[in-house]
Amino acid sequence: MKQPSSSVRGKGPAKAKARRKTREELNQEARDRKRDKKHRGLAPGSRATGADASGKSSGQSKQKDPRIGSKKPIPLGVSDAQDTRPQKHQPQPKSEKPMLSPQEELDMLENDERLDALLERLEEGEILSAEDQAWVDSRLDRIDELMQQLGLSYDDDEDEEEEQQEDMMRLLKGGN
């Protein structure tokens, strides 16, 4: 067996061995590392504590809820869900005027000053703007609808008068 030569070892400076740490020193270093690591990041409960700090600085008496979303309570019971179901609403008329009977609406349309003025302009031969013409047409259509609902027509009055005149003429001419 070969024995190592001491001359090889002896040459050159001798390196000092690093001293091994004891178990207590290792434990203490681990505790220090853990303590340093523990202080990273935000504090727990930062949402609640952060809102308090900002609320005090703004001077608001009412605290704003930092949660996002609807705050409306949701019924959890089956019977509650059926009772709180939204009722279907009746569509309200677009006009702010109360609903009129067909006769009242017809009277109102026949006495409309704007309609009368525009009809007079039409009879004189004036050309109305597109908006005015459309408005007049819609009003006249509505008048026709109302007269049909009420069983009236323009022709009834004129026909009766013409028939009476024709009957009188027949009587006068020869008694047919």
N, C-alpha and C. Protein backbone atom coordinates (compact mmCIF):
# COMPACT_ATOMS: atom_id res chain seq x y z
N MET A 1 0.80 -1.17 0.00
CA MET A 1 0.00 0.00 0.00
C MET A 1 0.85 1.23 0.00
N LYS A 2 0.29 2.14 -0.76
CA LYS A 2 1.03 3.37 -0.85
C LYS A 2 0.59 4.30 0.25
N GLN A 3 1.51 4.90 0.80
CA GLN A 3 1.19 5.89 1.80
C GLN A 3 1.41 7.27 1.20
N PRO A 4 0.52 8.16 1.50
CA PRO A 4 0.68 9.49 0.93
C PRO A 4 1.94 10.15 1.49
N SER A 5 2.55 10.89 0.61
CA SER A 5 3.78 11.54 1.05
C SER A 5 3.45 12.83 1.76
N SER A 6 4.15 13.07 2.78
CA SER A 6 3.92 14.27 3.55
C SER A 6 4.50 15.49 2.87
N SER A 7 5.41 15.28 1.95
CA SER A 7 6.03 16.40 1.28
C SER A 7 5.00 17.12 0.38
N VAL A 8 4.09 16.39 -0.23
CA VAL A 8 3.07 17.00 -1.09
C VAL A 8 2.13 17.82 -0.23
N ARG A 9 1.83 17.29 0.91
CA ARG A 9 0.94 18.01 1.80
C ARG A 9 1.63 19.21 2.40
N GLY A 10 2.80 19.07 2.68
CA GLY A 10 3.53 20.09 3.39
C GLY A 10 3.83 21.29 2.54
N LYS A 11 3.91 21.11 1.26
CA LYS A 11 4.22 22.24 0.39
C LYS A 11 3.02 23.16 0.29
N GLY A 12 3.21 24.41 0.25
CA GLY A 12 2.15 25.38 0.09
C GLY A 12 1.49 25.73 1.41
N PRO A 13 0.76 26.84 1.41
CA PRO A 13 0.12 27.27 2.65
C PRO A 13 -1.02 26.34 3.02
N ALA A 14 -1.18 26.16 4.23
CA ALA A 14 -2.24 25.27 4.73
C ALA A 14 -3.54 26.06 4.80
N LYS A 15 -4.63 25.50 4.23
CA LYS A 15 -5.94 26.17 4.26
C LYS A 15 -6.61 25.87 5.59
N ALA A 16 -7.22 26.92 6.15
CA ALA A 16 -7.91 26.73 7.41
C ALA A 16 -9.31 26.21 7.11
N LYS A 17 -9.70 25.20 7.83
CA LYS A 17 -11.03 24.62 7.62
C LYS A 17 -12.07 25.59 8.18
N ALA A 18 -13.20 25.68 7.43
CA ALA A 18 -14.29 26.50 7.92
C ALA A 18 -14.90 25.81 9.12
N ARG A 19 -15.16 26.59 10.12
CA ARG A 19 -15.70 26.04 11.34
C ARG A 19 -17.18 25.72 11.13
N ARG A 20 -17.56 24.53 11.53
CA ARG A 20 -18.96 24.13 11.43
C ARG A 20 -19.76 24.84 12.50
N LYS A 21 -21.01 25.25 12.07
CA LYS A 21 -21.88 25.93 13.02
C LYS A 21 -22.60 24.91 13.86
N THR A 22 -22.85 25.29 15.04
CA THR A 22 -23.56 24.39 15.95
C THR A 22 -25.05 24.40 15.61
N ARG A 23 -25.73 23.46 16.16
CA ARG A 23 -27.17 23.33 15.91
C ARG A 23 -27.89 24.58 16.40
N GLU A 24 -27.50 25.14 17.50
CA GLU A 24 -28.16 26.34 18.04
C GLU A 24 -27.98 27.54 17.11
N GLU A 25 -26.78 27.67 16.55
CA GLU A 25 -26.53 28.78 15.62
C GLU A 25 -27.37 28.61 14.35
N LEU A 26 -27.45 27.39 13.83
CA LEU A 26 -28.28 27.13 12.64
C LEU A 26 -29.75 27.44 12.90
N ASN A 27 -30.23 27.03 14.09
CA ASN A 27 -31.62 27.30 14.44
C ASN A 27 -31.89 28.80 14.53
N GLN A 28 -30.94 29.53 15.11
CA GLN A 28 -31.11 30.97 15.26
C GLN A 28 -31.13 31.67 13.88
N GLU A 29 -30.26 31.25 12.98
CA GLU A 29 -30.26 31.82 11.63
C GLU A 29 -31.57 31.51 10.90
N ALA A 30 -32.08 30.32 11.08
CA ALA A 30 -33.35 29.94 10.45
C ALA A 30 -34.48 30.81 10.98
N ARG A 31 -34.48 31.07 12.30
CA ARG A 31 -35.51 31.94 12.88
C ARG A 31 -35.41 33.35 12.33
N ASP A 32 -34.19 33.84 12.17
CA ASP A 32 -34.00 35.19 11.63
C ASP A 32 -34.51 35.28 10.19
N ARG A 33 -34.18 34.25 9.38
CA ARG A 33 -34.66 34.22 7.99
C ARG A 33 -36.19 34.18 7.96
N LYS A 34 -36.79 33.40 8.81
CA LYS A 34 -38.24 33.28 8.85
C LYS A 34 -38.88 34.62 9.26
N ARG A 35 -38.28 35.30 10.23
CA ARG A 35 -38.80 36.58 10.69
C ARG A 35 -38.72 37.61 9.55
N ASP A 36 -37.62 37.63 8.81
CA ASP A 36 -37.49 38.56 7.69
C ASP A 36 -38.49 38.24 6.58
N LYS A 37 -38.69 36.98 6.34
CA LYS A 37 -39.61 36.55 5.30
C LYS A 37 -41.06 36.85 5.68
N LYS A 38 -41.35 36.79 6.94
CA LYS A 38 -42.71 36.99 7.43
C LYS A 38 -43.19 38.41 7.17
N HIS A 39 -42.31 39.39 7.10
CA HIS A 39 -42.70 40.78 6.94
C HIS A 39 -42.85 41.22 5.50
N ARG A 40 -42.80 40.29 4.57
CA ARG A 40 -43.01 40.64 3.17
C ARG A 40 -44.51 40.75 2.88
N GLY A 41 -44.90 41.60 1.89
CA GLY A 41 -46.29 41.67 1.43
C GLY A 41 -47.13 42.61 2.27
N LEU A 42 -48.40 42.61 1.97
CA LEU A 42 -49.33 43.50 2.65
C LEU A 42 -49.81 42.89 3.95
N ALA A 43 -50.27 43.76 4.81
CA ALA A 43 -50.78 43.30 6.09
C ALA A 43 -52.09 42.56 5.87
N PRO A 44 -52.39 41.58 6.70
CA PRO A 44 -53.67 40.87 6.54
C PRO A 44 -54.84 41.81 6.80
N GLY A 45 -55.91 41.62 6.03
CA GLY A 45 -57.09 42.46 6.20
C GLY A 45 -56.88 43.86 5.66
N SER A 46 -56.10 44.01 4.64
CA SER A 46 -55.78 45.34 4.13
C SER A 46 -57.00 46.03 3.52
N ARG A 47 -57.97 45.26 3.01
CA ARG A 47 -59.15 45.88 2.41
C ARG A 47 -59.93 46.66 3.47
N ALA A 48 -60.15 46.04 4.60
CA ALA A 48 -60.92 46.70 5.66
C ALA A 48 -60.12 47.82 6.30
N THR A 49 -58.85 47.58 6.59
CA THR A 49 -58.06 48.61 7.26
C THR A 49 -57.72 49.74 6.30
N GLY A 50 -57.53 49.46 5.01
CA GLY A 50 -57.22 50.50 4.05
C GLY A 50 -58.40 51.42 3.83
N ALA A 51 -59.61 50.89 3.83
CA ALA A 51 -60.80 51.70 3.62
C ALA A 51 -61.01 52.62 4.82
N ASP A 52 -60.71 52.16 6.02
CA ASP A 52 -60.89 52.99 7.21
C ASP A 52 -59.95 54.18 7.16
N ALA A 53 -58.71 53.94 6.77
CA ALA A 53 -57.72 55.01 6.75
C ALA A 53 -58.09 56.05 5.70
N SER A 54 -58.54 55.63 4.51
CA SER A 54 -58.90 56.59 3.47
C SER A 54 -60.21 57.29 3.81
N GLY A 55 -61.13 56.62 4.47
CA GLY A 55 -62.41 57.23 4.83
C GLY A 55 -62.25 58.33 5.85
N LYS A 56 -61.32 58.16 6.79
CA LYS A 56 -61.11 59.18 7.81
C LYS A 56 -60.50 60.43 7.20
N SER A 57 -59.64 60.25 6.22
CA SER A 57 -58.97 61.40 5.63
C SER A 57 -59.94 62.22 4.77
N SER A 58 -60.94 61.58 4.13
CA SER A 58 -61.87 62.30 3.29
C SER A 58 -62.95 63.00 4.12
N GLY A 59 -63.14 62.58 5.35
CA GLY A 59 -64.10 63.25 6.22
C GLY A 59 -65.53 62.84 5.97
N GLN A 60 -65.77 61.72 5.33
CA GLN A 60 -67.14 61.29 5.08
C GLN A 60 -67.68 60.61 6.33
N SER A 61 -68.95 60.91 6.63
CA SER A 61 -69.55 60.27 7.80
C SER A 61 -70.03 58.86 7.46
N LYS A 62 -70.48 58.65 6.20
CA LYS A 62 -70.96 57.34 5.80
C LYS A 62 -69.83 56.59 5.10
N GLN A 63 -69.57 55.37 5.51
CA GLN A 63 -68.50 54.58 4.93
C GLN A 63 -68.99 53.94 3.63
N LYS A 64 -68.17 54.03 2.59
CA LYS A 64 -68.52 53.38 1.33
C LYS A 64 -68.08 51.93 1.41
N ASP A 65 -68.94 51.04 0.96
CA ASP A 65 -68.62 49.62 0.99
C ASP A 65 -67.58 49.33 -0.09
N PRO A 66 -66.42 48.80 0.28
CA PRO A 66 -65.38 48.58 -0.73
C PRO A 66 -65.65 47.41 -1.66
N ARG A 67 -66.67 46.62 -1.37
CA ARG A 67 -66.96 45.47 -2.22
C ARG A 67 -67.62 45.92 -3.50
N ILE A 68 -67.34 45.22 -4.57
CA ILE A 68 -67.87 45.56 -5.88
C ILE A 68 -69.10 44.70 -6.13
N GLY A 69 -70.11 45.28 -6.78
CA GLY A 69 -71.28 44.51 -7.16
C GLY A 69 -72.54 45.06 -6.55
N SER A 70 -73.63 44.37 -6.78
CA SER A 70 -74.93 44.81 -6.31
C SER A 70 -75.07 44.53 -4.82
N LYS A 71 -75.68 45.48 -4.13
CA LYS A 71 -75.91 45.32 -2.69
C LYS A 71 -77.36 44.90 -2.42
N LYS A 72 -78.11 44.66 -3.49
CA LYS A 72 -79.52 44.31 -3.35
C LYS A 72 -79.64 42.93 -2.71
N PRO A 73 -80.46 42.80 -1.67
CA PRO A 73 -80.61 41.49 -1.04
C PRO A 73 -81.31 40.51 -1.96
N ILE A 74 -80.86 39.28 -1.94
CA ILE A 74 -81.42 38.24 -2.80
C ILE A 74 -82.22 37.28 -1.92
N PRO A 75 -83.50 37.06 -2.23
CA PRO A 75 -84.29 36.13 -1.42
C PRO A 75 -83.80 34.70 -1.63
N LEU A 76 -83.63 33.98 -0.54
CA LEU A 76 -83.09 32.63 -0.62
C LEU A 76 -84.17 31.57 -0.57
N GLY A 77 -85.30 31.87 0.02
CA GLY A 77 -86.36 30.88 0.15
C GLY A 77 -87.16 30.76 -1.11
N VAL A 78 -87.79 29.60 -1.33
CA VAL A 78 -88.61 29.38 -2.51
C VAL A 78 -89.86 30.24 -2.45
N SER A 79 -90.50 30.30 -1.28
CA SER A 79 -91.73 31.08 -1.16
C SER A 79 -91.43 32.57 -1.31
N ASP A 80 -90.27 33.01 -0.84
CA ASP A 80 -89.91 34.41 -0.97
C ASP A 80 -89.70 34.77 -2.43
N ALA A 81 -89.11 33.87 -3.19
CA ALA A 81 -88.80 34.15 -4.59
C ALA A 81 -90.09 34.32 -5.40
N GLN A 82 -91.14 33.57 -5.06
CA GLN A 82 -92.38 33.69 -5.81
C GLN A 82 -93.10 34.99 -5.47
N ASP A 83 -93.02 35.43 -4.22
CA ASP A 83 -93.72 36.64 -3.81
C ASP A 83 -93.06 37.90 -4.35
N THR A 84 -91.75 37.87 -4.46
CA THR A 84 -91.03 39.08 -4.86
C THR A 84 -90.81 39.17 -6.35
N ARG A 85 -91.42 38.29 -7.12
CA ARG A 85 -91.27 38.33 -8.57
C ARG A 85 -91.88 39.63 -9.08
N PRO A 86 -91.20 40.35 -9.97
CA PRO A 86 -91.73 41.64 -10.43
C PRO A 86 -93.02 41.45 -11.21
N GLN A 87 -93.98 42.30 -10.92
CA GLN A 87 -95.26 42.25 -11.59
C GLN A 87 -95.13 42.88 -12.97
N LYS A 88 -95.89 42.36 -13.94
CA LYS A 88 -95.87 42.95 -15.28
C LYS A 88 -96.61 44.28 -15.21
N HIS A 89 -95.96 45.30 -15.71
CA HIS A 89 -96.55 46.64 -15.69
C HIS A 89 -97.31 46.87 -16.99
N GLN A 90 -98.44 47.55 -16.85
CA GLN A 90 -99.22 47.90 -18.02
C GLN A 90 -98.51 49.03 -18.74
N PRO A 91 -98.34 48.93 -20.06
CA PRO A 91 -97.69 50.04 -20.75
C PRO A 91 -98.57 51.28 -20.69
N GLN A 92 -97.98 52.38 -20.32
CA GLN A 92 -98.73 53.62 -20.22
C GLN A 92 -98.74 54.30 -21.58
N PRO A 93 -99.79 55.03 -21.86
CA PRO A 93 -99.84 55.72 -23.15
C PRO A 93 -98.70 56.73 -23.24
N LYS A 94 -98.21 56.93 -24.47
CA LYS A 94 -97.08 57.82 -24.67
C LYS A 94 -97.47 59.27 -24.42
N SER A 95 -98.72 59.61 -24.69
CA SER A 95 -99.13 60.98 -24.49
C SER A 95 -99.39 61.22 -23.01
N GLU A 96 -99.15 62.46 -22.59
CA GLU A 96 -99.36 62.79 -21.19
C GLU A 96 -100.83 63.09 -20.90
N LYS A 97 -101.63 63.25 -21.96
CA LYS A 97 -103.03 63.54 -21.78
C LYS A 97 -103.76 62.27 -21.36
N PRO A 98 -104.81 62.40 -20.55
CA PRO A 98 -105.56 61.20 -20.18
C PRO A 98 -106.30 60.65 -21.40
N MET A 99 -106.61 59.37 -21.34
CA MET A 99 -107.30 58.72 -22.45
C MET A 99 -108.69 59.34 -22.61
N LEU A 100 -108.99 59.71 -23.83
CA LEU A 100 -110.27 60.33 -24.13
C LEU A 100 -111.16 59.32 -24.84
N SER A 101 -112.44 59.54 -24.74
CA SER A 101 -113.36 58.70 -25.50
C SER A 101 -113.22 59.08 -26.97
N PRO A 102 -113.63 58.20 -27.89
CA PRO A 102 -113.49 58.53 -29.31
C PRO A 102 -114.22 59.82 -29.69
N GLN A 103 -115.39 60.06 -29.09
CA GLN A 103 -116.15 61.28 -29.42
C GLN A 103 -115.40 62.52 -28.95
N GLU A 104 -114.85 62.47 -27.74
CA GLU A 104 -114.10 63.61 -27.22
C GLU A 104 -112.85 63.87 -28.04
N GLU A 105 -112.16 62.79 -28.43
CA GLU A 105 -110.95 62.95 -29.24
C GLU A 105 -111.29 63.52 -30.61
N LEU A 106 -112.40 63.07 -31.19
CA LEU A 106 -112.83 63.60 -32.48
C LEU A 106 -113.15 65.08 -32.37
N ASP A 107 -113.86 65.47 -31.33
CA ASP A 107 -114.18 66.89 -31.12
C ASP A 107 -112.90 67.71 -30.97
N MET A 108 -111.95 67.17 -30.24
CA MET A 108 -110.69 67.87 -30.02
C MET A 108 -109.94 68.05 -31.34
N LEU A 109 -109.92 67.01 -32.17
CA LEU A 109 -109.22 67.11 -33.45
C LEU A 109 -109.93 68.06 -34.41
N GLU A 110 -111.25 68.09 -34.38
CA GLU A 110 -111.99 68.98 -35.27
C GLU A 110 -111.81 70.44 -34.87
N ASN A 111 -111.57 70.69 -33.60
CA ASN A 111 -111.39 72.06 -33.11
C ASN A 111 -109.92 72.46 -33.03
N ASP A 112 -109.01 71.67 -33.58
CA ASP A 112 -107.57 71.95 -33.51
C ASP A 112 -107.25 73.15 -34.41
N GLU A 113 -106.67 74.20 -33.82
CA GLU A 113 -106.38 75.43 -34.56
C GLU A 113 -105.27 75.22 -35.58
N ARG A 114 -104.25 74.48 -35.20
CA ARG A 114 -103.13 74.26 -36.12
C ARG A 114 -103.59 73.48 -37.35
N LEU A 115 -104.41 72.45 -37.10
CA LEU A 115 -104.92 71.65 -38.21
C LEU A 115 -105.77 72.51 -39.14
N ASP A 116 -106.62 73.35 -38.57
CA ASP A 116 -107.46 74.23 -39.39
C ASP A 116 -106.61 75.18 -40.22
N ALA A 117 -105.57 75.74 -39.61
CA ALA A 117 -104.71 76.70 -40.33
C ALA A 117 -103.98 76.00 -41.48
N LEU A 118 -103.48 74.81 -41.22
CA LEU A 118 -102.76 74.09 -42.28
C LEU A 118 -103.70 73.65 -43.40
N LEU A 119 -104.93 73.24 -43.05
CA LEU A 119 -105.90 72.86 -44.09
C LEU A 119 -106.29 74.06 -44.94
N GLU A 120 -106.42 75.25 -44.32
CA GLU A 120 -106.73 76.46 -45.08
C GLU A 120 -105.60 76.78 -46.05
N ARG A 121 -104.35 76.62 -45.59
CA ARG A 121 -103.21 76.87 -46.47
C ARG A 121 -103.22 75.90 -47.65
N LEU A 122 -103.60 74.64 -47.39
CA LEU A 122 -103.67 73.66 -48.47
C LEU A 122 -104.75 74.03 -49.49
N GLU A 123 -105.90 74.51 -49.00
CA GLU A 123 -107.00 74.89 -49.89
C GLU A 123 -106.62 76.08 -50.75
N GLU A 124 -105.77 76.97 -50.22
CA GLU A 124 -105.33 78.13 -50.98
C GLU A 124 -104.28 77.76 -52.02
N GLY A 125 -103.76 76.55 -51.97
CA GLY A 125 -102.80 76.09 -52.96
C GLY A 125 -101.36 76.15 -52.50
N GLU A 126 -101.13 76.44 -51.24
CA GLU A 126 -99.76 76.48 -50.71
C GLU A 126 -99.22 75.06 -50.56
N ILE A 127 -97.91 74.95 -50.68
CA ILE A 127 -97.25 73.65 -50.46
C ILE A 127 -96.67 73.66 -49.06
N LEU A 128 -97.02 72.65 -48.28
CA LEU A 128 -96.55 72.56 -46.90
C LEU A 128 -95.20 71.83 -46.84
N SER A 129 -94.49 72.07 -45.75
CA SER A 129 -93.23 71.33 -45.55
C SER A 129 -93.55 69.85 -45.31
N ALA A 130 -92.54 69.02 -45.44
CA ALA A 130 -92.75 67.58 -45.30
C ALA A 130 -93.26 67.23 -43.90
N GLU A 131 -92.73 67.91 -42.90
CA GLU A 131 -93.16 67.63 -41.51
C GLU A 131 -94.62 68.02 -41.32
N ASP A 132 -94.99 69.22 -41.80
CA ASP A 132 -96.38 69.67 -41.65
C ASP A 132 -97.33 68.77 -42.41
N GLN A 133 -96.94 68.38 -43.62
CA GLN A 133 -97.81 67.52 -44.43
C GLN A 133 -98.01 66.17 -43.75
N ALA A 134 -96.92 65.61 -43.18
CA ALA A 134 -97.03 64.33 -42.49
C ALA A 134 -97.93 64.46 -41.26
N TRP A 135 -97.82 65.59 -40.56
CA TRP A 135 -98.64 65.81 -39.36
C TRP A 135 -100.12 65.92 -39.75
N VAL A 136 -100.40 66.67 -40.82
CA VAL A 136 -101.79 66.81 -41.28
C VAL A 136 -102.34 65.46 -41.69
N ASP A 137 -101.55 64.69 -42.44
CA ASP A 137 -102.01 63.37 -42.88
C ASP A 137 -102.32 62.46 -41.70
N SER A 138 -101.44 62.48 -40.68
CA SER A 138 -101.68 61.62 -39.51
C SER A 138 -102.95 62.03 -38.78
N ARG A 139 -103.19 63.34 -38.66
CA ARG A 139 -104.40 63.82 -37.97
C ARG A 139 -105.67 63.46 -38.77
N LEU A 140 -105.60 63.62 -40.08
CA LEU A 140 -106.77 63.28 -40.90
C LEU A 140 -107.05 61.78 -40.86
N ASP A 141 -105.99 60.97 -40.86
CA ASP A 141 -106.18 59.52 -40.73
C ASP A 141 -106.83 59.17 -39.40
N ARG A 142 -106.38 59.85 -38.35
CA ARG A 142 -106.96 59.58 -37.02
C ARG A 142 -108.43 59.98 -36.98
N ILE A 143 -108.73 61.09 -37.62
CA ILE A 143 -110.15 61.52 -37.67
C ILE A 143 -110.98 60.48 -38.40
N ASP A 144 -110.46 59.94 -39.51
CA ASP A 144 -111.19 58.90 -40.26
C ASP A 144 -111.40 57.66 -39.39
N GLU A 145 -110.36 57.25 -38.67
CA GLU A 145 -110.50 56.07 -37.80
C GLU A 145 -111.58 56.29 -36.74
N LEU A 146 -111.55 57.48 -36.12
CA LEU A 146 -112.52 57.76 -35.07
C LEU A 146 -113.93 57.81 -35.64
N MET A 147 -114.09 58.37 -36.82
CA MET A 147 -115.43 58.43 -37.41
C MET A 147 -115.95 57.05 -37.76
N GLN A 148 -115.03 56.16 -38.20
CA GLN A 148 -115.46 54.78 -38.47
C GLN A 148 -115.84 54.07 -37.18
N GLN A 149 -115.10 54.31 -36.10
CA GLN A 149 -115.45 53.70 -34.82
C GLN A 149 -116.82 54.16 -34.35
N LEU A 150 -117.10 55.44 -34.57
CA LEU A 150 -118.38 55.99 -34.11
C LEU A 150 -119.50 55.75 -35.11
N GLY A 151 -119.18 55.22 -36.28
CA GLY A 151 -120.21 54.93 -37.28
C GLY A 151 -120.60 56.17 -38.06
N LEU A 152 -119.75 57.16 -38.11
CA LEU A 152 -120.03 58.39 -38.85
C LEU A 152 -119.20 58.39 -40.12
N SER A 153 -119.66 59.19 -41.10
CA SER A 153 -118.85 59.40 -42.30
C SER A 153 -119.21 60.74 -42.89
N TYR A 154 -118.30 61.29 -43.69
CA TYR A 154 -118.57 62.57 -44.34
C TYR A 154 -119.70 62.43 -45.35
N ASP A 155 -119.73 61.30 -46.00
CA ASP A 155 -120.68 61.09 -47.09
C ASP A 155 -122.11 60.96 -46.60
N ASP A 156 -122.34 60.50 -45.37
CA ASP A 156 -123.70 60.28 -44.87
C ASP A 156 -124.52 61.57 -44.93
N ASP A 157 -123.92 62.66 -44.42
CA ASP A 157 -124.68 63.91 -44.37
C ASP A 157 -124.96 64.43 -45.78
N GLU A 158 -123.96 64.38 -46.64
CA GLU A 158 -124.12 64.89 -48.00
C GLU A 158 -125.10 64.03 -48.78
N ASP A 159 -125.03 62.69 -48.62
CA ASP A 159 -125.93 61.79 -49.35
C ASP A 159 -127.38 62.02 -48.96
N GLU A 160 -127.60 62.21 -47.66
CA GLU A 160 -128.98 62.42 -47.20
C GLU A 160 -129.54 63.72 -47.78
N GLU A 161 -128.72 64.75 -47.81
CA GLU A 161 -129.19 66.03 -48.35
C GLU A 161 -129.46 65.91 -49.84
N GLU A 162 -128.56 65.20 -50.56
CA GLU A 162 -128.76 65.03 -52.00
C GLU A 162 -130.01 64.20 -52.29
N GLU A 163 -130.21 63.14 -51.49
CA GLU A 163 -131.41 62.31 -51.70
C GLU A 163 -132.68 63.11 -51.44
N GLN A 164 -132.65 63.94 -50.42
CA GLN A 164 -133.84 64.76 -50.12
C GLN A 164 -134.11 65.73 -51.27
N GLN A 165 -133.00 66.32 -51.78
CA GLN A 165 -133.20 67.25 -52.89
C GLN A 165 -133.71 66.52 -54.13
N GLU A 166 -133.19 65.32 -54.40
CA GLU A 166 -133.65 64.55 -55.55
C GLU A 166 -135.11 64.15 -55.38
N ASP A 167 -135.47 63.74 -54.15
CA ASP A 167 -136.87 63.38 -53.91
C ASP A 167 -137.80 64.57 -54.14
N MET A 168 -137.38 65.74 -53.71
CA MET A 168 -138.20 66.94 -53.88
C MET A 168 -138.33 67.28 -55.38
N MET A 169 -137.20 67.11 -56.10
CA MET A 169 -137.23 67.40 -57.53
C MET A 169 -138.17 66.45 -58.24
N ARG A 170 -138.15 65.18 -57.87
CA ARG A 170 -139.04 64.20 -58.48
C ARG A 170 -140.51 64.54 -58.21
N LEU A 171 -140.75 64.92 -56.98
CA LEU A 171 -142.12 65.27 -56.65
C LEU A 171 -142.60 66.48 -57.46
N LEU A 172 -141.70 67.44 -57.60
CA LEU A 172 -142.09 68.64 -58.33
C LEU A 172 -142.26 68.36 -59.83
N LYS A 173 -141.39 67.51 -60.38
CA LYS A 173 -141.41 67.27 -61.82
C LYS A 173 -142.60 66.41 -62.24
N GLY A 174 -142.83 65.41 -61.58
CA GLY A 174 -143.91 64.61 -62.13
C GLY A 174 -144.52 63.61 -61.16
N GLY A 175 -144.03 63.55 -59.99
CA GLY A 175 -144.64 62.67 -59.01
C GLY A 175 -144.30 61.21 -59.20
N ASN A 176 -143.14 60.85 -59.71
CA ASN A 176 -142.75 59.46 -59.86
C ASN A 176 -142.49 58.84 -58.60
